[in-house]
């Protein structure tokens, strides 16, 4: 995953979330269809895709999808 667009495609294709670039900076409670199960599913998909372990504690502190994306690219 190299770009935020790749990240959005993963959210759309693997999790079935109808997210757009406009949703990236919105609070997670504003993301269409988002719930806590999606966070765990997303972390699983991201770890499988990147081959790296991502810290759950940091993901739980994320306020928006962009925070989660930054966690992935800096991990």
PDB file of N, CA and C in Angstrom:
ATOM      1  N   UNK A   1       0.845  -1.162   0.000  1.00  0.00           N
ATOM      2  CA  UNK A   1       0.000   0.000   0.000  1.00  0.00           C
ATOM      3  C   UNK A   1       0.894   1.230   0.000  1.00  0.00           C
ATOM      4  N   UNK A   2       0.755   2.027  -1.050  1.00  0.00           N
ATOM      5  CA  UNK A   2       1.646   3.166  -1.206  1.00  0.00           C
ATOM      6  C   UNK A   2       0.974   4.512  -1.009  1.00  0.00           C
ATOM      7  N   UNK A   3      -0.323   4.592  -1.254  1.00  0.00           N
ATOM      8  CA  UNK A   3      -0.998   5.882  -1.195  1.00  0.00           C
ATOM      9  C   UNK A   3      -2.289   5.786  -0.395  1.00  0.00           C
ATOM     10  N   UNK A   4      -2.837   6.945  -0.078  1.00  0.00           N
ATOM     11  CA  UNK A   4      -4.123   6.993   0.614  1.00  0.00           C
ATOM     12  C   UNK A   4      -5.212   6.394  -0.276  1.00  0.00           C
ATOM     13  N   UNK A   5      -5.061   6.516  -1.587  1.00  0.00           N
ATOM     14  CA  UNK A   5      -6.033   5.918  -2.503  1.00  0.00           C
ATOM     15  C   UNK A   5      -5.999   4.391  -2.419  1.00  0.00           C
ATOM     16  N   UNK A   6      -4.809   3.815  -2.265  1.00  0.00           N
ATOM     17  CA  UNK A   6      -4.694   2.367  -2.060  1.00  0.00           C
ATOM     18  C   UNK A   6      -5.407   1.965  -0.773  1.00  0.00           C
ATOM     19  N   UNK A   7      -5.246   2.772   0.259  1.00  0.00           N
ATOM     20  CA  UNK A   7      -5.885   2.529   1.545  1.00  0.00           C
ATOM     21  C   UNK A   7      -7.412   2.570   1.396  1.00  0.00           C
ATOM     22  N   UNK A   8      -7.916   3.561   0.689  1.00  0.00           N
ATOM     23  CA  UNK A   8      -9.360   3.675   0.467  1.00  0.00           C
ATOM     24  C   UNK A   8      -9.889   2.492  -0.335  1.00  0.00           C
ATOM     25  N   UNK A   9      -9.144   2.067  -1.325  1.00  0.00           N
ATOM     26  CA  UNK A   9      -9.551   0.910  -2.119  1.00  0.00           C
ATOM     27  C   UNK A   9      -9.646  -0.339  -1.250  1.00  0.00           C
ATOM     28  N   UNK A  10      -8.713  -0.494  -0.338  1.00  0.00           N
ATOM     29  CA  UNK A  10      -8.736  -1.616   0.587  1.00  0.00           C
ATOM     30  C   UNK A  10      -9.986  -1.555   1.466  1.00  0.00           C
ATOM     31  N   UNK A  11     -10.317  -0.374   1.968  1.00  0.00           N
ATOM     32  CA  UNK A  11     -11.526  -0.198   2.779  1.00  0.00           C
ATOM     33  C   UNK A  11     -12.780  -0.534   1.981  1.00  0.00           C
ATOM     34  N   UNK A  12     -12.794  -0.133   0.732  1.00  0.00           N
ATOM     35  CA  UNK A  12     -13.955  -0.379  -0.118  1.00  0.00           C
ATOM     36  C   UNK A  12     -14.062  -1.849  -0.511  1.00  0.00           C
ATOM     37  N   UNK A  13     -12.961  -2.410  -0.996  1.00  0.00           N
ATOM     38  CA  UNK A  13     -12.987  -3.772  -1.531  1.00  0.00           C
ATOM     39  C   UNK A  13     -12.989  -4.852  -0.461  1.00  0.00           C
ATOM     40  N   UNK A  14     -12.138  -4.708   0.547  1.00  0.00           N
ATOM     41  CA  UNK A  14     -12.002  -5.770   1.546  1.00  0.00           C
ATOM     42  C   UNK A  14     -13.013  -5.659   2.685  1.00  0.00           C
ATOM     43  N   UNK A  15     -13.413  -4.436   3.028  1.00  0.00           N
ATOM     44  CA  UNK A  15     -14.350  -4.271   4.135  1.00  0.00           C
ATOM     45  C   UNK A  15     -15.745  -3.871   3.675  1.00  0.00           C
ATOM     46  N   UNK A  16     -15.876  -3.517   2.410  1.00  0.00           N
ATOM     47  CA  UNK A  16     -17.184  -3.157   1.884  1.00  0.00           C
ATOM     48  C   UNK A  16     -17.718  -1.829   2.379  1.00  0.00           C
ATOM     49  N   UNK A  17     -16.813  -0.942   2.794  1.00  0.00           N
ATOM     50  CA  UNK A  17     -17.246   0.366   3.288  1.00  0.00           C
ATOM     51  C   UNK A  17     -17.304   1.368   2.142  1.00  0.00           C
ATOM     52  N   UNK A  18     -18.382   2.119   2.032  1.00  0.00           N
ATOM     53  CA  UNK A  18     -18.527   3.091   0.946  1.00  0.00           C
ATOM     54  C   UNK A  18     -17.829   4.413   1.270  1.00  0.00           C
ATOM     55  N   UNK A  19     -16.519   4.363   1.431  1.00  0.00           N
ATOM     56  CA  UNK A  19     -15.767   5.550   1.835  1.00  0.00           C
ATOM     57  C   UNK A  19     -15.172   6.259   0.623  1.00  0.00           C
ATOM     58  N   UNK A  20     -14.996   7.561   0.791  1.00  0.00           N
ATOM     59  CA  UNK A  20     -14.386   8.387  -0.243  1.00  0.00           C
ATOM     60  C   UNK A  20     -13.247   9.171   0.400  1.00  0.00           C
ATOM     61  N   UNK A  21     -12.546   9.911  -0.405  1.00  0.00           N
ATOM     62  CA  UNK A  21     -11.456  10.736   0.105  1.00  0.00           C
ATOM     63  C   UNK A  21     -11.962  11.742   1.144  1.00  0.00           C
ATOM     64  N   UNK A  22     -13.195  12.182   0.973  1.00  0.00           N
ATOM     65  CA  UNK A  22     -13.784  13.133   1.917  1.00  0.00           C
ATOM     66  C   UNK A  22     -13.955  12.526   3.310  1.00  0.00           C
ATOM     67  N   UNK A  23     -14.059  11.203   3.394  1.00  0.00           N
ATOM     68  CA  UNK A  23     -14.250  10.530   4.684  1.00  0.00           C
ATOM     69  C   UNK A  23     -12.953  10.341   5.462  1.00  0.00           C
ATOM     70  N   UNK A  24     -11.827  10.502   4.812  1.00  0.00           N
ATOM     71  CA  UNK A  24     -10.530  10.205   5.431  1.00  0.00           C
ATOM     72  C   UNK A  24     -10.273  11.050   6.671  1.00  0.00           C
ATOM     73  N   UNK A  25     -10.633  12.316   6.634  1.00  0.00           N
ATOM     74  CA  UNK A  25     -10.358  13.206   7.763  1.00  0.00           C
ATOM     75  C   UNK A  25     -11.548  13.320   8.721  1.00  0.00           C
ATOM     76  N   UNK A  26     -12.669  12.702   8.380  1.00  0.00           N
ATOM     77  CA  UNK A  26     -13.841  12.745   9.261  1.00  0.00           C
ATOM     78  C   UNK A  26     -13.604  11.864  10.477  1.00  0.00           C
ATOM     79  N   UNK A  27     -14.257  12.204  11.560  1.00  0.00           N
ATOM     80  CA  UNK A  27     -14.200  11.349  12.742  1.00  0.00           C
ATOM     81  C   UNK A  27     -14.728   9.968  12.400  1.00  0.00           C
ATOM     82  N   UNK A  28     -14.192   8.953  13.045  1.00  0.00           N
ATOM     83  CA  UNK A  28     -14.611   7.590  12.737  1.00  0.00           C
ATOM     84  C   UNK A  28     -16.115   7.402  12.925  1.00  0.00           C
ATOM     85  N   UNK A  29     -16.704   8.135  13.860  1.00  0.00           N
ATOM     86  CA  UNK A  29     -18.148   8.031  14.068  1.00  0.00           C
ATOM     87  C   UNK A  29     -18.948   8.631  12.915  1.00  0.00           C
ATOM     88  N   UNK A  30     -18.279   9.328  12.010  1.00  0.00           N
ATOM     89  CA  UNK A  30     -18.930   9.922  10.843  1.00  0.00           C
ATOM     90  C   UNK A  30     -18.723   9.103   9.565  1.00  0.00           C
ATOM     91  N   UNK A  31     -17.890   8.089   9.633  1.00  0.00           N
ATOM     92  CA  UNK A  31     -17.605   7.252   8.463  1.00  0.00           C
ATOM     93  C   UNK A  31     -18.798   6.330   8.211  1.00  0.00           C
ATOM     94  N   UNK A  32     -19.346   6.342   6.994  1.00  0.00           N
ATOM     95  CA  UNK A  32     -20.512   5.510   6.692  1.00  0.00           C
ATOM     96  C   UNK A  32     -20.266   4.027   6.979  1.00  0.00           C
ATOM     97  N   UNK A  33     -21.098   3.448   7.833  1.00  0.00           N
ATOM     98  CA  UNK A  33     -21.023   2.025   8.132  1.00  0.00           C
ATOM     99  C   UNK A  33     -19.965   1.609   9.133  1.00  0.00           C
ATOM    100  N   UNK A  34     -19.185   2.545   9.669  1.00  0.00           N
ATOM    101  CA  UNK A  34     -18.072   2.206  10.556  1.00  0.00           C
ATOM    102  C   UNK A  34     -18.557   1.728  11.918  1.00  0.00           C
ATOM    103  N   UNK A  35     -17.923   0.697  12.440  1.00  0.00           N
ATOM    104  CA  UNK A  35     -18.128   0.269  13.826  1.00  0.00           C
ATOM    105  C   UNK A  35     -16.836  -0.373  14.326  1.00  0.00           C
ATOM    106  N   UNK A  36     -16.832  -0.764  15.585  1.00  0.00           N
ATOM    107  CA  UNK A  36     -15.598  -1.279  16.191  1.00  0.00           C
ATOM    108  C   UNK A  36     -15.119  -2.573  15.537  1.00  0.00           C
ATOM    109  N   UNK A  37     -16.033  -3.355  15.011  1.00  0.00           N
ATOM    110  CA  UNK A  37     -15.636  -4.590  14.334  1.00  0.00           C
ATOM    111  C   UNK A  37     -14.827  -4.266  13.076  1.00  0.00           C
ATOM    112  N   UNK A  38     -15.172  -3.151  12.419  1.00  0.00           N
ATOM    113  CA  UNK A  38     -14.409  -2.753  11.240  1.00  0.00           C
ATOM    114  C   UNK A  38     -12.962  -2.424  11.593  1.00  0.00           C
ATOM    115  N   UNK A  39     -12.749  -1.845  12.761  1.00  0.00           N
ATOM    116  CA  UNK A  39     -11.374  -1.530  13.167  1.00  0.00           C
ATOM    117  C   UNK A  39     -10.554  -2.815  13.270  1.00  0.00           C
ATOM    118  N   UNK A  40     -11.092  -3.809  13.926  1.00  0.00           N
ATOM    119  CA  UNK A  40     -10.357  -5.074  14.063  1.00  0.00           C
ATOM    120  C   UNK A  40     -10.160  -5.753  12.712  1.00  0.00           C
ATOM    121  N   UNK A  41     -11.192  -5.732  11.890  1.00  0.00           N
ATOM    122  CA  UNK A  41     -11.076  -6.317  10.544  1.00  0.00           C
ATOM    123  C   UNK A  41     -10.045  -5.565   9.719  1.00  0.00           C
ATOM    124  N   UNK A  42     -10.068  -4.236   9.811  1.00  0.00           N
ATOM    125  CA  UNK A  42      -9.112  -3.422   9.064  1.00  0.00           C
ATOM    126  C   UNK A  42      -7.685  -3.724   9.490  1.00  0.00           C
ATOM    127  N   UNK A  43      -7.447  -3.822  10.780  1.00  0.00           N
ATOM    128  CA  UNK A  43      -6.096  -4.134  11.254  1.00  0.00           C
ATOM    129  C   UNK A  43      -5.631  -5.486  10.739  1.00  0.00           C
ATOM    130  N   UNK A  44      -6.523  -6.452  10.727  1.00  0.00           N
ATOM    131  CA  UNK A  44      -6.180  -7.779  10.219  1.00  0.00           C
ATOM    132  C   UNK A  44      -5.803  -7.713   8.744  1.00  0.00           C
ATOM    133  N   UNK A  45      -6.607  -7.006   7.953  1.00  0.00           N
ATOM    134  CA  UNK A  45      -6.337  -6.874   6.519  1.00  0.00           C
ATOM    135  C   UNK A  45      -5.033  -6.112   6.291  1.00  0.00           C
ATOM    136  N   UNK A  46      -4.825  -5.052   7.053  1.00  0.00           N
ATOM    137  CA  UNK A  46      -3.605  -4.256   6.895  1.00  0.00           C
ATOM    138  C   UNK A  46      -2.365  -5.061   7.247  1.00  0.00           C
ATOM    139  N   UNK A  47      -2.441  -5.856   8.314  1.00  0.00           N
ATOM    140  CA  UNK A  47      -1.295  -6.679   8.689  1.00  0.00           C
ATOM    141  C   UNK A  47      -1.013  -7.729   7.623  1.00  0.00           C
ATOM    142  N   UNK A  48      -2.074  -8.305   7.066  1.00  0.00           N
ATOM    143  CA  UNK A  48      -1.896  -9.297   6.001  1.00  0.00           C
ATOM    144  C   UNK A  48      -1.311  -8.636   4.750  1.00  0.00           C
ATOM    145  N   UNK A  49      -1.784  -7.453   4.414  1.00  0.00           N
ATOM    146  CA  UNK A  49      -1.355  -6.753   3.211  1.00  0.00           C
ATOM    147  C   UNK A  49       0.080  -6.251   3.319  1.00  0.00           C
ATOM    148  N   UNK A  50       0.430  -5.702   4.480  1.00  0.00           N
ATOM    149  CA  UNK A  50       1.759  -5.114   4.640  1.00  0.00           C
ATOM    150  C   UNK A  50       2.798  -6.103   5.151  1.00  0.00           C
ATOM    151  N   UNK A  51       2.346  -7.183   5.772  1.00  0.00           N
ATOM    152  CA  UNK A  51       3.274  -8.140   6.357  1.00  0.00           C
ATOM    153  C   UNK A  51       3.883  -7.653   7.660  1.00  0.00           C
ATOM    154  N   UNK A  52       3.300  -6.598   8.224  1.00  0.00           N
ATOM    155  CA  UNK A  52       3.810  -6.037   9.483  1.00  0.00           C
ATOM    156  C   UNK A  52       2.723  -6.056  10.542  1.00  0.00           C
ATOM    157  N   UNK A  53       3.134  -6.185  11.769  1.00  0.00           N
ATOM    158  CA  UNK A  53       2.211  -6.114  12.900  1.00  0.00           C
ATOM    159  C   UNK A  53       1.941  -4.645  13.223  1.00  0.00           C
ATOM    160  N   UNK A  54       0.684  -4.333  13.488  1.00  0.00           N
ATOM    161  CA  UNK A  54       0.305  -2.965  13.831  1.00  0.00           C
ATOM    162  C   UNK A  54      -0.181  -2.923  15.276  1.00  0.00           C
ATOM    163  N   UNK A  55       0.233  -1.917  16.027  1.00  0.00           N
ATOM    164  CA  UNK A  55      -0.134  -1.842  17.447  1.00  0.00           C
ATOM    165  C   UNK A  55      -1.614  -1.499  17.639  1.00  0.00           C
ATOM    166  N   UNK A  56      -2.348  -2.400  18.268  1.00  0.00           N
ATOM    167  CA  UNK A  56      -3.775  -2.196  18.520  1.00  0.00           C
ATOM    168  C   UNK A  56      -4.009  -0.953  19.366  1.00  0.00           C
ATOM    169  N   UNK A  57      -3.177  -0.727  20.358  1.00  0.00           N
ATOM    170  CA  UNK A  57      -3.355   0.437  21.238  1.00  0.00           C
ATOM    171  C   UNK A  57      -3.319   1.737  20.440  1.00  0.00           C
ATOM    172  N   UNK A  58      -2.412   1.841  19.486  1.00  0.00           N
ATOM    173  CA  UNK A  58      -2.328   3.042  18.651  1.00  0.00           C
ATOM    174  C   UNK A  58      -3.556   3.164  17.757  1.00  0.00           C
ATOM    175  N   UNK A  59      -4.021   2.055  17.221  1.00  0.00           N
ATOM    176  CA  UNK A  59      -5.204   2.078  16.359  1.00  0.00           C
ATOM    177  C   UNK A  59      -6.440   2.493  17.153  1.00  0.00           C
ATOM    178  N   UNK A  60      -6.522   2.074  18.393  1.00  0.00           N
ATOM    179  CA  UNK A  60      -7.666   2.451  19.228  1.00  0.00           C
ATOM    180  C   UNK A  60      -7.690   3.945  19.532  1.00  0.00           C
ATOM    181  N   UNK A  61      -6.544   4.589  19.455  1.00  0.00           N
ATOM    182  CA  UNK A  61      -6.464   6.033  19.700  1.00  0.00           C
ATOM    183  C   UNK A  61      -6.765   6.851  18.446  1.00  0.00           C
ATOM    184  N   UNK A  62      -6.884   6.196  17.305  1.00  0.00           N
ATOM    185  CA  UNK A  62      -7.140   6.900  16.048  1.00  0.00           C
ATOM    186  C   UNK A  62      -8.486   7.609  16.107  1.00  0.00           C
ATOM    187  N   UNK A  63      -8.479   8.836  15.624  1.00  0.00           N
ATOM    188  CA  UNK A  63      -9.711   9.616  15.593  1.00  0.00           C
ATOM    189  C   UNK A  63     -10.350   9.617  14.210  1.00  0.00           C
ATOM    190  N   UNK A  64      -9.558   9.258  13.194  1.00  0.00           N
ATOM    191  CA  UNK A  64     -10.071   9.260  11.826  1.00  0.00           C
ATOM    192  C   UNK A  64      -9.303   8.212  11.013  1.00  0.00           C
ATOM    193  N   UNK A  65      -9.791   7.951   9.821  1.00  0.00           N
ATOM    194  CA  UNK A  65      -9.124   6.980   8.944  1.00  0.00           C
ATOM    195  C   UNK A  65      -7.711   7.420   8.592  1.00  0.00           C
ATOM    196  N   UNK A  66      -7.518   8.713   8.481  1.00  0.00           N
ATOM    197  CA  UNK A  66      -6.183   9.226   8.163  1.00  0.00           C
ATOM    198  C   UNK A  66      -5.180   8.859   9.253  1.00  0.00           C
ATOM    199  N   UNK A  67      -5.611   8.863  10.509  1.00  0.00           N
ATOM    200  CA  UNK A  67      -4.737   8.451  11.610  1.00  0.00           C
ATOM    201  C   UNK A  67      -4.319   6.989  11.447  1.00  0.00           C
ATOM    202  N   UNK A  68      -5.255   6.152  11.043  1.00  0.00           N
ATOM    203  CA  UNK A  68      -4.951   4.734  10.844  1.00  0.00           C
ATOM    204  C   UNK A  68      -4.003   4.575   9.655  1.00  0.00           C
ATOM    205  N   UNK A  69      -4.254   5.308   8.595  1.00  0.00           N
ATOM    206  CA  UNK A  69      -3.359   5.268   7.430  1.00  0.00           C
ATOM    207  C   UNK A  69      -1.941   5.671   7.836  1.00  0.00           C
ATOM    208  N   UNK A  70      -1.818   6.747   8.597  1.00  0.00           N
ATOM    209  CA  UNK A  70      -0.488   7.200   9.034  1.00  0.00           C
ATOM    210  C   UNK A  70       0.191   6.138   9.886  1.00  0.00           C
ATOM    211  N   UNK A  71      -0.582   5.442  10.704  1.00  0.00           N
ATOM    212  CA  UNK A  71      -0.035   4.364  11.520  1.00  0.00           C
ATOM    213  C   UNK A  71       0.569   3.279  10.630  1.00  0.00           C
ATOM    214  N   UNK A  72      -0.101   2.998   9.544  1.00  0.00           N
ATOM    215  CA  UNK A  72       0.362   1.951   8.624  1.00  0.00           C
ATOM    216  C   UNK A  72       1.650   2.382   7.913  1.00  0.00           C
ATOM    217  N   UNK A  73       1.682   3.598   7.434  1.00  0.00           N
ATOM    218  CA  UNK A  73       2.844   4.019   6.645  1.00  0.00           C
ATOM    219  C   UNK A  73       4.057   4.342   7.499  1.00  0.00           C
ATOM    220  N   UNK A  74       3.858   4.555   8.797  1.00  0.00           N
ATOM    221  CA  UNK A  74       4.993   4.853   9.662  1.00  0.00           C
ATOM    222  C   UNK A  74       5.430   3.652  10.491  1.00  0.00           C
ATOM    223  N   UNK A  75       4.641   2.560  10.453  1.00  0.00           N
ATOM    224  CA  UNK A  75       4.983   1.382  11.257  1.00  0.00           C
ATOM    225  C   UNK A  75       6.142   0.630  10.661  1.00  0.00           C
TER     226      UNK A  75
END
